[in-house]
Amino acid sequence: MKRSWFVFAIALAGTVAEAHPADISTTNKLRKVLLDVARADAEKYLGTKVLWKVNRIRARGDLAYLSLEPLMPNGKPMDFTKTKLKNEWKESRESGVWESGFNYLLRKSSGKWKIIERETAGQHGDTQIGEWANNIKGAKPLILDE
């Protein structure tokens, strides 16, 4: 009996260690709130409805970081030829460089989550996110795996 508890404890420790303490679970109500803030911004920016594939969503205190991939309402990858970015997408595809993801840094102020930094499809660079991590207090552990 002792051995089975020991194996269970090791298995449980391995699963828990993989999750970052600031990760927002799919059952957390905050997740929908944060995704809706990002969705409203992306829909205005792209000119079309957006669903999200979540790469990372973390929050601690009054700060949240989201790394997202936009999907069309049918759940398929975003067709950027049907967005406000169609010309940029065509130009970028010809040069072989196009990043479709969206990254957001949000802060809760006066009870509402507001976007303080954004990196949208077509404007990616590790430098921008690195600057957020280094220059915005509390952002680094949300963005990086620390």
C-alpha atoms as a PDB file:
ATOM      1  CA  MET A   1       0.000   0.000   0.000  1.00  0.00           C
ATOM      2  CA  LYS A   2       2.819   2.428   0.831  1.00  0.00           C
ATOM      3  CA  ARG A   3       4.367   1.862  -2.574  1.00  0.00           C
ATOM      4  CA  SER A   4       1.173   2.813  -4.470  1.00  0.00           C
ATOM      5  CA  TRP A   5       0.877   6.081  -2.514  1.00  0.00           C
ATOM      6  CA  PHE A   6       4.528   6.813  -3.294  1.00  0.00           C
ATOM      7  CA  VAL A   7       3.987   6.237  -7.045  1.00  0.00           C
ATOM      8  CA  PHE A   8       0.819   8.369  -6.944  1.00  0.00           C
ATOM      9  CA  ALA A   9       2.676  11.205  -5.178  1.00  0.00           C
ATOM     10  CA  ILE A  10       5.453  11.178  -7.783  1.00  0.00           C
ATOM     11  CA  ALA A  11       2.932  11.155 -10.646  1.00  0.00           C
ATOM     12  CA  LEU A  12       0.986  14.005  -9.076  1.00  0.00           C
ATOM     13  CA  ALA A  13       4.134  16.048  -8.470  1.00  0.00           C
ATOM     14  CA  GLY A  14       5.127  15.611 -12.109  1.00  0.00           C
ATOM     15  CA  THR A  15       1.782  16.906 -13.353  1.00  0.00           C
ATOM     16  CA  VAL A  16       1.687  19.858 -11.008  1.00  0.00           C
ATOM     17  CA  ALA A  17       5.248  20.891 -11.836  1.00  0.00           C
ATOM     18  CA  GLU A  18       4.355  21.338 -15.529  1.00  0.00           C
ATOM     19  CA  ALA A  19       1.784  24.069 -14.896  1.00  0.00           C
ATOM     20  CA  HIS A  20       2.958  27.623 -14.329  1.00  0.00           C
ATOM     21  CA  PRO A  21       1.464  29.176 -11.177  1.00  0.00           C
ATOM     22  CA  ALA A  22       0.013  32.068 -13.170  1.00  0.00           C
ATOM     23  CA  ASP A  23      -1.667  29.916 -15.863  1.00  0.00           C
ATOM     24  CA  ILE A  24      -5.405  30.552 -16.134  1.00  0.00           C
ATOM     25  CA  SER A  25      -7.385  27.309 -16.387  1.00  0.00           C
ATOM     26  CA  THR A  26     -10.222  26.793 -18.838  1.00  0.00           C
ATOM     27  CA  THR A  27     -12.682  26.757 -15.927  1.00  0.00           C
ATOM     28  CA  ASN A  28     -11.561  30.095 -14.492  1.00  0.00           C
ATOM     29  CA  LYS A  29     -14.075  32.901 -15.223  1.00  0.00           C
ATOM     30  CA  LEU A  30     -11.187  35.358 -15.651  1.00  0.00           C
ATOM     31  CA  ARG A  31     -10.138  33.479 -18.800  1.00  0.00           C
ATOM     32  CA  LYS A  32     -13.323  34.462 -20.667  1.00  0.00           C
ATOM     33  CA  VAL A  33     -13.052  38.079 -19.495  1.00  0.00           C
ATOM     34  CA  LEU A  34      -9.462  38.381 -20.768  1.00  0.00           C
ATOM     35  CA  LEU A  35     -10.219  36.622 -24.053  1.00  0.00           C
ATOM     36  CA  ASP A  36     -13.218  38.897 -24.656  1.00  0.00           C
ATOM     37  CA  VAL A  37     -11.075  42.026 -24.183  1.00  0.00           C
ATOM     38  CA  ALA A  38      -8.541  40.689 -26.704  1.00  0.00           C
ATOM     39  CA  ARG A  39     -11.311  39.524 -29.060  1.00  0.00           C
ATOM     40  CA  ALA A  40     -12.938  42.976 -29.227  1.00  0.00           C
ATOM     41  CA  ASP A  41      -9.574  44.521 -30.106  1.00  0.00           C
ATOM     42  CA  ALA A  42      -8.713  41.879 -32.728  1.00  0.00           C
ATOM     43  CA  GLU A  43     -12.132  42.037 -34.378  1.00  0.00           C
ATOM     44  CA  LYS A  44     -11.804  45.796 -34.754  1.00  0.00           C
ATOM     45  CA  TYR A  45      -8.242  45.417 -36.053  1.00  0.00           C
ATOM     46  CA  LEU A  46      -9.046  42.609 -38.524  1.00  0.00           C
ATOM     47  CA  GLY A  47     -12.584  43.672 -39.430  1.00  0.00           C
ATOM     48  CA  THR A  48     -13.979  40.175 -38.905  1.00  0.00           C
ATOM     49  CA  LYS A  49     -15.199  37.858 -36.138  1.00  0.00           C
ATOM     50  CA  VAL A  50     -12.487  35.981 -34.236  1.00  0.00           C
ATOM     51  CA  LEU A  51     -12.250  32.822 -32.161  1.00  0.00           C
ATOM     52  CA  TRP A  52      -9.045  32.144 -30.235  1.00  0.00           C
ATOM     53  CA  LYS A  53      -6.641  29.261 -30.006  1.00  0.00           C
ATOM     54  CA  VAL A  54      -4.854  29.914 -26.716  1.00  0.00           C
ATOM     55  CA  ASN A  55      -1.092  29.403 -26.670  1.00  0.00           C
ATOM     56  CA  ARG A  56      -0.657  30.977 -23.239  1.00  0.00           C
ATOM     57  CA  ILE A  57      -2.839  32.915 -20.859  1.00  0.00           C
ATOM     58  CA  ARG A  58      -1.463  33.962 -17.499  1.00  0.00           C
ATOM     59  CA  ALA A  59      -2.414  36.472 -14.853  1.00  0.00           C
ATOM     60  CA  ARG A  60      -1.035  37.556 -11.520  1.00  0.00           C
ATOM     61  CA  GLY A  61      -2.441  40.443  -9.542  1.00  0.00           C
ATOM     62  CA  ASP A  62      -3.497  43.244 -11.876  1.00  0.00           C
ATOM     63  CA  LEU A  63      -1.441  42.057 -14.878  1.00  0.00           C
ATOM     64  CA  ALA A  64      -2.246  39.459 -17.569  1.00  0.00           C
ATOM     65  CA  TYR A  65      -0.413  38.123 -20.632  1.00  0.00           C
ATOM     66  CA  LEU A  66      -2.121  36.414 -23.571  1.00  0.00           C
ATOM     67  CA  SER A  67      -0.507  34.667 -26.549  1.00  0.00           C
ATOM     68  CA  LEU A  68      -3.228  33.767 -29.045  1.00  0.00           C
ATOM     69  CA  GLU A  69      -3.812  32.517 -32.572  1.00  0.00           C
ATOM     70  CA  PRO A  70      -6.884  33.935 -34.343  1.00  0.00           C
ATOM     71  CA  LEU A  71      -9.325  31.477 -35.878  1.00  0.00           C
ATOM     72  CA  MET A  72     -12.267  32.051 -38.167  1.00  0.00           C
ATOM     73  CA  PRO A  73     -15.751  31.580 -36.655  1.00  0.00           C
ATOM     74  CA  ASN A  74     -15.808  28.034 -38.125  1.00  0.00           C
ATOM     75  CA  GLY A  75     -12.697  27.147 -36.063  1.00  0.00           C
ATOM     76  CA  LYS A  76     -10.316  27.015 -39.036  1.00  0.00           C
ATOM     77  CA  PRO A  77      -7.089  29.081 -39.187  1.00  0.00           C
ATOM     78  CA  MET A  78      -7.681  32.761 -39.979  1.00  0.00           C
ATOM     79  CA  ASP A  79      -7.891  33.540 -43.693  1.00  0.00           C
ATOM     80  CA  PHE A  80      -6.163  36.906 -43.714  1.00  0.00           C
ATOM     81  CA  THR A  81      -7.279  37.554 -47.322  1.00  0.00           C
ATOM     82  CA  LYS A  82     -10.736  38.155 -45.809  1.00  0.00           C
ATOM     83  CA  THR A  83      -9.533  40.751 -43.278  1.00  0.00           C
ATOM     84  CA  LYS A  84      -8.395  44.363 -43.249  1.00  0.00           C
ATOM     85  CA  LEU A  85      -4.834  42.983 -43.432  1.00  0.00           C
ATOM     86  CA  LYS A  86      -5.226  41.301 -46.833  1.00  0.00           C
ATOM     87  CA  ASN A  87      -2.692  43.580 -48.574  1.00  0.00           C
ATOM     88  CA  GLU A  88      -0.104  43.260 -45.797  1.00  0.00           C
ATOM     89  CA  TRP A  89      -0.638  39.500 -45.752  1.00  0.00           C
ATOM     90  CA  LYS A  90      -0.040  39.212 -49.509  1.00  0.00           C
ATOM     91  CA  GLU A  91       3.132  41.323 -49.312  1.00  0.00           C
ATOM     92  CA  SER A  92       4.445  39.389 -46.319  1.00  0.00           C
ATOM     93  CA  ARG A  93       3.678  35.999 -47.874  1.00  0.00           C
ATOM     94  CA  GLU A  94       5.717  36.962 -50.942  1.00  0.00           C
ATOM     95  CA  SER A  95       8.720  37.692 -48.719  1.00  0.00           C
ATOM     96  CA  GLY A  96       8.063  34.501 -46.736  1.00  0.00           C
ATOM     97  CA  VAL A  97       7.498  36.249 -43.412  1.00  0.00           C
ATOM     98  CA  TRP A  98       4.105  36.323 -41.720  1.00  0.00           C
ATOM     99  CA  GLU A  99       3.212  35.872 -38.081  1.00  0.00           C
ATOM    100  CA  SER A 100      -0.467  35.302 -37.468  1.00  0.00           C
ATOM    101  CA  GLY A 101      -0.476  35.396 -33.671  1.00  0.00           C
ATOM    102  CA  PHE A 102      -1.567  38.116 -31.298  1.00  0.00           C
ATOM    103  CA  ASN A 103       0.117  38.921 -27.975  1.00  0.00           C
ATOM    104  CA  TYR A 104      -1.470  41.115 -25.336  1.00  0.00           C
ATOM    105  CA  LEU A 105      -0.464  42.559 -21.997  1.00  0.00           C
ATOM    106  CA  LEU A 106      -3.460  43.744 -19.961  1.00  0.00           C
ATOM    107  CA  ARG A 107      -3.736  45.593 -16.676  1.00  0.00           C
ATOM    108  CA  LYS A 108      -6.739  45.755 -14.408  1.00  0.00           C
ATOM    109  CA  SER A 109      -7.579  49.333 -13.554  1.00  0.00           C
ATOM    110  CA  SER A 110     -10.730  50.619 -11.839  1.00  0.00           C
ATOM    111  CA  GLY A 111     -12.189  47.107 -11.992  1.00  0.00           C
ATOM    112  CA  LYS A 112     -11.731  46.684 -15.779  1.00  0.00           C
ATOM    113  CA  TRP A 113      -9.060  44.893 -17.795  1.00  0.00           C
ATOM    114  CA  LYS A 114      -7.432  47.202 -20.348  1.00  0.00           C
ATOM    115  CA  ILE A 115      -4.848  46.537 -23.037  1.00  0.00           C
ATOM    116  CA  ILE A 116      -1.555  48.234 -22.228  1.00  0.00           C
ATOM    117  CA  GLU A 117       0.564  46.526 -24.920  1.00  0.00           C
ATOM    118  CA  ARG A 118      -0.311  44.581 -28.046  1.00  0.00           C
ATOM    119  CA  GLU A 119       1.530  42.818 -30.793  1.00  0.00           C
ATOM    120  CA  THR A 120      -0.739  41.911 -33.663  1.00  0.00           C
ATOM    121  CA  ALA A 121      -0.578  39.715 -36.732  1.00  0.00           C
ATOM    122  CA  GLY A 122       2.114  40.892 -39.099  1.00  0.00           C
ATOM    123  CA  GLN A 123       4.168  42.879 -36.569  1.00  0.00           C
ATOM    124  CA  HIS A 124       5.892  40.159 -34.610  1.00  0.00           C
ATOM    125  CA  GLY A 125       9.308  40.146 -33.108  1.00  0.00           C
ATOM    126  CA  ASP A 126      10.775  38.585 -30.007  1.00  0.00           C
ATOM    127  CA  THR A 127      12.270  41.972 -29.248  1.00  0.00           C
ATOM    128  CA  GLN A 128       8.921  43.591 -28.519  1.00  0.00           C
ATOM    129  CA  ILE A 129       7.823  40.877 -26.107  1.00  0.00           C
ATOM    130  CA  GLY A 130      11.302  40.889 -24.554  1.00  0.00           C
ATOM    131  CA  GLU A 131      10.940  44.620 -23.965  1.00  0.00           C
ATOM    132  CA  TRP A 132       7.625  44.039 -22.199  1.00  0.00           C
ATOM    133  CA  ALA A 133       9.260  41.388 -20.005  1.00  0.00           C
ATOM    134  CA  ASN A 134      12.164  43.661 -19.110  1.00  0.00           C
ATOM    135  CA  ASN A 135      10.406  47.018 -18.837  1.00  0.00           C
ATOM    136  CA  ILE A 136       6.964  46.361 -17.358  1.00  0.00           C
ATOM    137  CA  LYS A 137       7.007  45.448 -13.693  1.00  0.00           C
ATOM    138  CA  GLY A 138       5.585  41.978 -13.104  1.00  0.00           C
ATOM    139  CA  ALA A 139       5.439  41.013 -16.808  1.00  0.00           C
ATOM    140  CA  LYS A 140       8.543  38.822 -16.978  1.00  0.00           C
ATOM    141  CA  PRO A 141       7.214  35.782 -15.055  1.00  0.00           C
ATOM    142  CA  LEU A 142       3.991  35.887 -17.081  1.00  0.00           C
ATOM    143  CA  ILE A 143       5.745  36.005 -20.454  1.00  0.00           C
ATOM    144  CA  LEU A 144       8.731  33.772 -19.807  1.00  0.00           C
ATOM    145  CA  ASP A 145       8.873  30.311 -18.275  1.00  0.00           C
ATOM    146  CA  GLU A 146      10.482  31.284 -14.990  1.00  0.00           C
END
